[in-house]
Each structure stands twice: as C-alpha cells, then as structure tokens.
Amino acid sequence: MALSPLGVFRCVILSARQLIFEGEVSSVFITGDRGEYELLPYHYPLIGIISGDVVIDWEKRLLVKGGVVRFFANECTIMVEERSDAAS
C-alpha cells in the first residue's frame, strides 16, 4: 500500500555508532520524559527527551536506553543510545 505524500514525514534515527533508520513514515510513537506521544505529519515543532523505545508506523520497534527528538518543518531527527539487547 502506497502512502500519500501529504501523509508522511522524513525521519532519521541515529546512534553514536550508526544510522539506524532513514525514510518517510506516517507516525513515530515515543515514550518521553513527560509521557507517551505520537508524532504525525506536520506536528507542531518540538524538542524532547526520549526515555523508552521508539515505534515507527506501529510496525517497527527500536529498543533504546534514551535519547533526544527534534521535529521541525515536517522532519523528525532522533538521536538515541541503543540498548545492548537492541533487536527489532
């Protein structure tokens, strides 16, 4: 199933060692320091702390210790510290 160009945003997820994910997604679900939230296309700009796993399009779970997220101009950049048991 193809995604609509208006229903996606660019997402890049990096660790100190590698590029973990890069592509267009329709949602990113994050556990932050102040609760859980979902980023959707054209979300209000934000910068936040990640304290739990990251889920991409409700299909791919990335196991992380923590990190930071920035959403601006329909682009999401996430820097994470990977867990040693990080298997997706």
N, C-alpha and C. Protein backbone atom coordinates (compact mmCIF):
# COMPACT_ATOMS: atom_id res chain seq x y z
N MET A 1 0.85 -1.18 0.00
CA MET A 1 0.00 0.00 0.00
C MET A 1 0.89 1.24 0.00
N ALA A 2 0.71 2.13 -0.95
CA ALA A 2 1.50 3.35 -1.06
C ALA A 2 0.95 4.42 -0.12
N LEU A 3 1.85 5.16 0.48
CA LEU A 3 1.46 6.25 1.37
C LEU A 3 1.28 7.53 0.58
N SER A 4 0.33 8.33 0.98
CA SER A 4 0.11 9.62 0.35
C SER A 4 1.27 10.55 0.68
N PRO A 5 1.76 11.35 -0.28
CA PRO A 5 2.85 12.28 0.01
C PRO A 5 2.50 13.27 1.12
N LEU A 6 1.22 13.59 1.30
CA LEU A 6 0.83 14.53 2.35
C LEU A 6 0.73 13.84 3.70
N GLY A 7 0.70 12.52 3.73
CA GLY A 7 0.54 11.80 4.98
C GLY A 7 1.81 11.21 5.52
N VAL A 8 2.96 11.76 5.13
CA VAL A 8 4.24 11.24 5.60
C VAL A 8 5.17 12.38 5.99
N PHE A 9 6.21 12.03 6.72
CA PHE A 9 7.27 12.97 7.02
C PHE A 9 8.60 12.22 7.02
N ARG A 10 9.67 12.97 6.87
CA ARG A 10 11.01 12.38 6.84
C ARG A 10 11.45 12.10 8.28
N CYS A 11 12.03 10.92 8.49
CA CYS A 11 12.51 10.53 9.81
C CYS A 11 13.92 9.96 9.69
N VAL A 12 14.81 10.45 10.54
CA VAL A 12 16.18 9.96 10.61
C VAL A 12 16.47 9.60 12.06
N ILE A 13 16.92 8.37 12.29
CA ILE A 13 17.26 7.92 13.64
C ILE A 13 18.72 7.49 13.63
N LEU A 14 19.51 8.11 14.52
CA LEU A 14 20.95 7.88 14.58
C LEU A 14 21.38 7.49 15.98
N SER A 15 22.44 6.71 16.06
CA SER A 15 23.14 6.49 17.33
C SER A 15 24.54 7.05 17.15
N ALA A 16 25.35 6.98 18.18
CA ALA A 16 26.73 7.46 18.07
C ALA A 16 27.53 6.59 17.09
N ARG A 17 27.09 5.37 16.88
CA ARG A 17 27.83 4.43 16.04
C ARG A 17 27.31 4.30 14.62
N GLN A 18 26.00 4.54 14.40
CA GLN A 18 25.46 4.20 13.08
C GLN A 18 24.15 4.92 12.78
N LEU A 19 23.81 4.92 11.49
CA LEU A 19 22.49 5.34 11.04
C LEU A 19 21.57 4.15 11.25
N ILE A 20 20.53 4.32 12.05
CA ILE A 20 19.63 3.22 12.38
C ILE A 20 18.46 3.15 11.41
N PHE A 21 17.91 4.31 11.07
CA PHE A 21 16.74 4.33 10.19
C PHE A 21 16.72 5.66 9.45
N GLU A 22 16.31 5.62 8.18
CA GLU A 22 16.10 6.84 7.41
C GLU A 22 15.01 6.55 6.39
N GLY A 23 14.00 7.40 6.34
CA GLY A 23 12.94 7.21 5.36
C GLY A 23 11.71 8.04 5.68
N GLU A 24 10.69 7.85 4.85
CA GLU A 24 9.42 8.53 5.06
C GLU A 24 8.50 7.63 5.87
N VAL A 25 7.87 8.21 6.88
CA VAL A 25 6.99 7.45 7.77
C VAL A 25 5.69 8.22 7.95
N SER A 26 4.67 7.53 8.46
CA SER A 26 3.40 8.21 8.73
C SER A 26 3.20 8.47 10.21
N SER A 27 3.98 7.79 11.10
CA SER A 27 3.90 8.08 12.52
C SER A 27 5.13 7.56 13.25
N VAL A 28 5.46 8.23 14.34
CA VAL A 28 6.51 7.79 15.25
C VAL A 28 5.95 7.92 16.66
N PHE A 29 5.96 6.82 17.40
CA PHE A 29 5.45 6.80 18.77
C PHE A 29 6.64 6.75 19.71
N ILE A 30 6.65 7.66 20.69
CA ILE A 30 7.80 7.84 21.58
C ILE A 30 7.34 7.85 23.03
N THR A 31 8.13 7.21 23.88
CA THR A 31 7.96 7.38 25.32
C THR A 31 8.96 8.42 25.75
N GLY A 32 8.45 9.55 26.22
CA GLY A 32 9.31 10.65 26.62
C GLY A 32 9.40 10.80 28.12
N ASP A 33 10.14 11.78 28.57
CA ASP A 33 10.30 12.02 29.99
C ASP A 33 9.02 12.53 30.64
N ARG A 34 8.07 13.00 29.85
CA ARG A 34 6.80 13.51 30.38
C ARG A 34 5.60 12.72 29.88
N GLY A 35 5.82 11.50 29.43
CA GLY A 35 4.72 10.66 28.96
C GLY A 35 4.94 10.15 27.56
N GLU A 36 3.89 9.56 27.01
CA GLU A 36 3.95 8.99 25.67
C GLU A 36 3.29 9.95 24.67
N TYR A 37 3.82 9.98 23.47
CA TYR A 37 3.20 10.79 22.44
C TYR A 37 3.52 10.23 21.06
N GLU A 38 2.68 10.61 20.12
CA GLU A 38 2.83 10.16 18.74
C GLU A 38 3.05 11.37 17.86
N LEU A 39 4.07 11.30 17.02
CA LEU A 39 4.34 12.35 16.05
C LEU A 39 3.71 11.96 14.73
N LEU A 40 2.94 12.88 14.17
CA LEU A 40 2.27 12.68 12.89
C LEU A 40 2.73 13.75 11.92
N PRO A 41 2.43 13.61 10.62
CA PRO A 41 2.84 14.64 9.66
C PRO A 41 2.39 16.03 10.09
N TYR A 42 3.28 16.99 9.94
CA TYR A 42 3.05 18.40 10.24
C TYR A 42 2.78 18.65 11.71
N HIS A 43 3.35 17.81 12.57
CA HIS A 43 3.25 18.00 14.01
C HIS A 43 3.84 19.36 14.38
N TYR A 44 3.36 19.93 15.46
CA TYR A 44 3.91 21.19 15.97
C TYR A 44 5.39 20.98 16.28
N PRO A 45 6.26 21.95 15.99
CA PRO A 45 7.70 21.79 16.28
C PRO A 45 7.94 21.47 17.76
N LEU A 46 8.89 20.54 18.00
CA LEU A 46 9.20 20.20 19.38
C LEU A 46 10.61 19.67 19.50
N ILE A 47 11.12 19.74 20.72
CA ILE A 47 12.37 19.10 21.11
C ILE A 47 12.05 18.39 22.41
N GLY A 48 12.43 17.10 22.52
CA GLY A 48 12.10 16.35 23.71
C GLY A 48 13.12 15.29 24.06
N ILE A 49 12.97 14.76 25.25
CA ILE A 49 13.84 13.69 25.75
C ILE A 49 13.11 12.37 25.62
N ILE A 50 13.80 11.37 25.12
CA ILE A 50 13.24 10.02 24.97
C ILE A 50 13.72 9.18 26.14
N SER A 51 12.78 8.50 26.79
CA SER A 51 13.16 7.67 27.93
C SER A 51 12.79 6.20 27.73
N GLY A 52 12.28 5.87 26.54
CA GLY A 52 11.89 4.49 26.25
C GLY A 52 11.99 4.21 24.77
N ASP A 53 11.42 3.11 24.36
CA ASP A 53 11.51 2.66 22.97
C ASP A 53 10.82 3.61 21.99
N VAL A 54 11.19 3.47 20.71
CA VAL A 54 10.62 4.25 19.62
C VAL A 54 9.92 3.27 18.68
N VAL A 55 8.69 3.58 18.29
CA VAL A 55 7.93 2.71 17.38
C VAL A 55 7.63 3.48 16.10
N ILE A 56 8.01 2.91 14.97
CA ILE A 56 7.82 3.55 13.67
C ILE A 56 6.64 2.91 12.97
N ASP A 57 5.67 3.72 12.57
CA ASP A 57 4.48 3.27 11.83
C ASP A 57 3.77 2.10 12.50
N TRP A 58 3.84 2.01 13.80
CA TRP A 58 3.19 0.95 14.59
C TRP A 58 3.60 -0.45 14.13
N GLU A 59 4.80 -0.55 13.49
CA GLU A 59 5.27 -1.83 12.99
C GLU A 59 6.68 -2.18 13.47
N LYS A 60 7.56 -1.20 13.52
CA LYS A 60 8.96 -1.45 13.85
C LYS A 60 9.30 -0.80 15.18
N ARG A 61 9.73 -1.62 16.15
CA ARG A 61 10.10 -1.11 17.47
C ARG A 61 11.62 -1.07 17.58
N LEU A 62 12.15 0.10 17.98
CA LEU A 62 13.57 0.26 18.21
C LEU A 62 13.79 0.32 19.72
N LEU A 63 14.59 -0.59 20.23
CA LEU A 63 14.87 -0.65 21.66
C LEU A 63 16.00 0.32 21.98
N VAL A 64 15.70 1.31 22.80
CA VAL A 64 16.70 2.34 23.13
C VAL A 64 16.72 2.59 24.63
N LYS A 65 17.90 3.03 25.12
CA LYS A 65 18.03 3.43 26.52
C LYS A 65 17.45 4.82 26.72
N GLY A 66 17.65 5.67 25.76
CA GLY A 66 17.20 7.06 25.85
C GLY A 66 17.68 7.83 24.64
N GLY A 67 17.37 9.11 24.63
CA GLY A 67 17.81 9.94 23.51
C GLY A 67 17.08 11.26 23.48
N VAL A 68 17.18 11.94 22.34
CA VAL A 68 16.50 13.21 22.13
C VAL A 68 15.81 13.18 20.76
N VAL A 69 14.72 13.94 20.66
CA VAL A 69 13.97 14.03 19.42
C VAL A 69 13.78 15.49 19.06
N ARG A 70 13.83 15.78 17.77
CA ARG A 70 13.54 17.12 17.26
C ARG A 70 12.61 16.96 16.07
N PHE A 71 11.49 17.66 16.11
CA PHE A 71 10.56 17.67 14.98
C PHE A 71 10.41 19.10 14.54
N PHE A 72 10.75 19.37 13.27
CA PHE A 72 10.67 20.72 12.74
C PHE A 72 10.54 20.63 11.23
N ALA A 73 9.65 21.44 10.65
CA ALA A 73 9.45 21.53 9.20
C ALA A 73 9.18 20.16 8.58
N ASN A 74 8.32 19.39 9.24
CA ASN A 74 7.91 18.06 8.80
C ASN A 74 9.08 17.08 8.66
N GLU A 75 10.10 17.27 9.49
CA GLU A 75 11.23 16.35 9.57
C GLU A 75 11.50 16.01 11.03
N CYS A 76 11.73 14.73 11.28
CA CYS A 76 11.97 14.23 12.62
C CYS A 76 13.39 13.66 12.68
N THR A 77 14.18 14.19 13.60
CA THR A 77 15.53 13.68 13.82
C THR A 77 15.61 13.17 15.24
N ILE A 78 16.06 11.91 15.38
CA ILE A 78 16.13 11.28 16.70
C ILE A 78 17.55 10.76 16.91
N MET A 79 18.16 11.17 18.01
CA MET A 79 19.47 10.66 18.41
C MET A 79 19.24 9.75 19.60
N VAL A 80 19.72 8.51 19.54
CA VAL A 80 19.44 7.54 20.60
C VAL A 80 20.71 6.88 21.11
N GLU A 81 20.60 6.36 22.33
CA GLU A 81 21.60 5.45 22.87
C GLU A 81 20.97 4.07 22.82
N GLU A 82 21.57 3.18 22.05
CA GLU A 82 21.00 1.85 21.85
C GLU A 82 21.15 1.00 23.10
N ARG A 83 20.18 0.12 23.32
CA ARG A 83 20.29 -0.88 24.39
C ARG A 83 21.16 -2.01 23.89
N SER A 84 21.82 -2.69 24.81
CA SER A 84 22.69 -3.80 24.41
C SER A 84 21.90 -4.98 23.85
N ASP A 85 20.62 -5.09 24.25
CA ASP A 85 19.76 -6.17 23.73
C ASP A 85 18.91 -5.68 22.56
N ALA A 86 19.36 -4.62 21.86
CA ALA A 86 18.57 -3.97 20.81
C ALA A 86 18.41 -4.89 19.60
N ALA A 87 17.28 -5.55 19.55
CA ALA A 87 16.91 -6.36 18.39
C ALA A 87 15.51 -5.95 17.99
N SER A 88 15.30 -5.66 16.71
CA SER A 88 13.97 -5.18 16.29
C SER A 88 13.17 -6.21 15.58
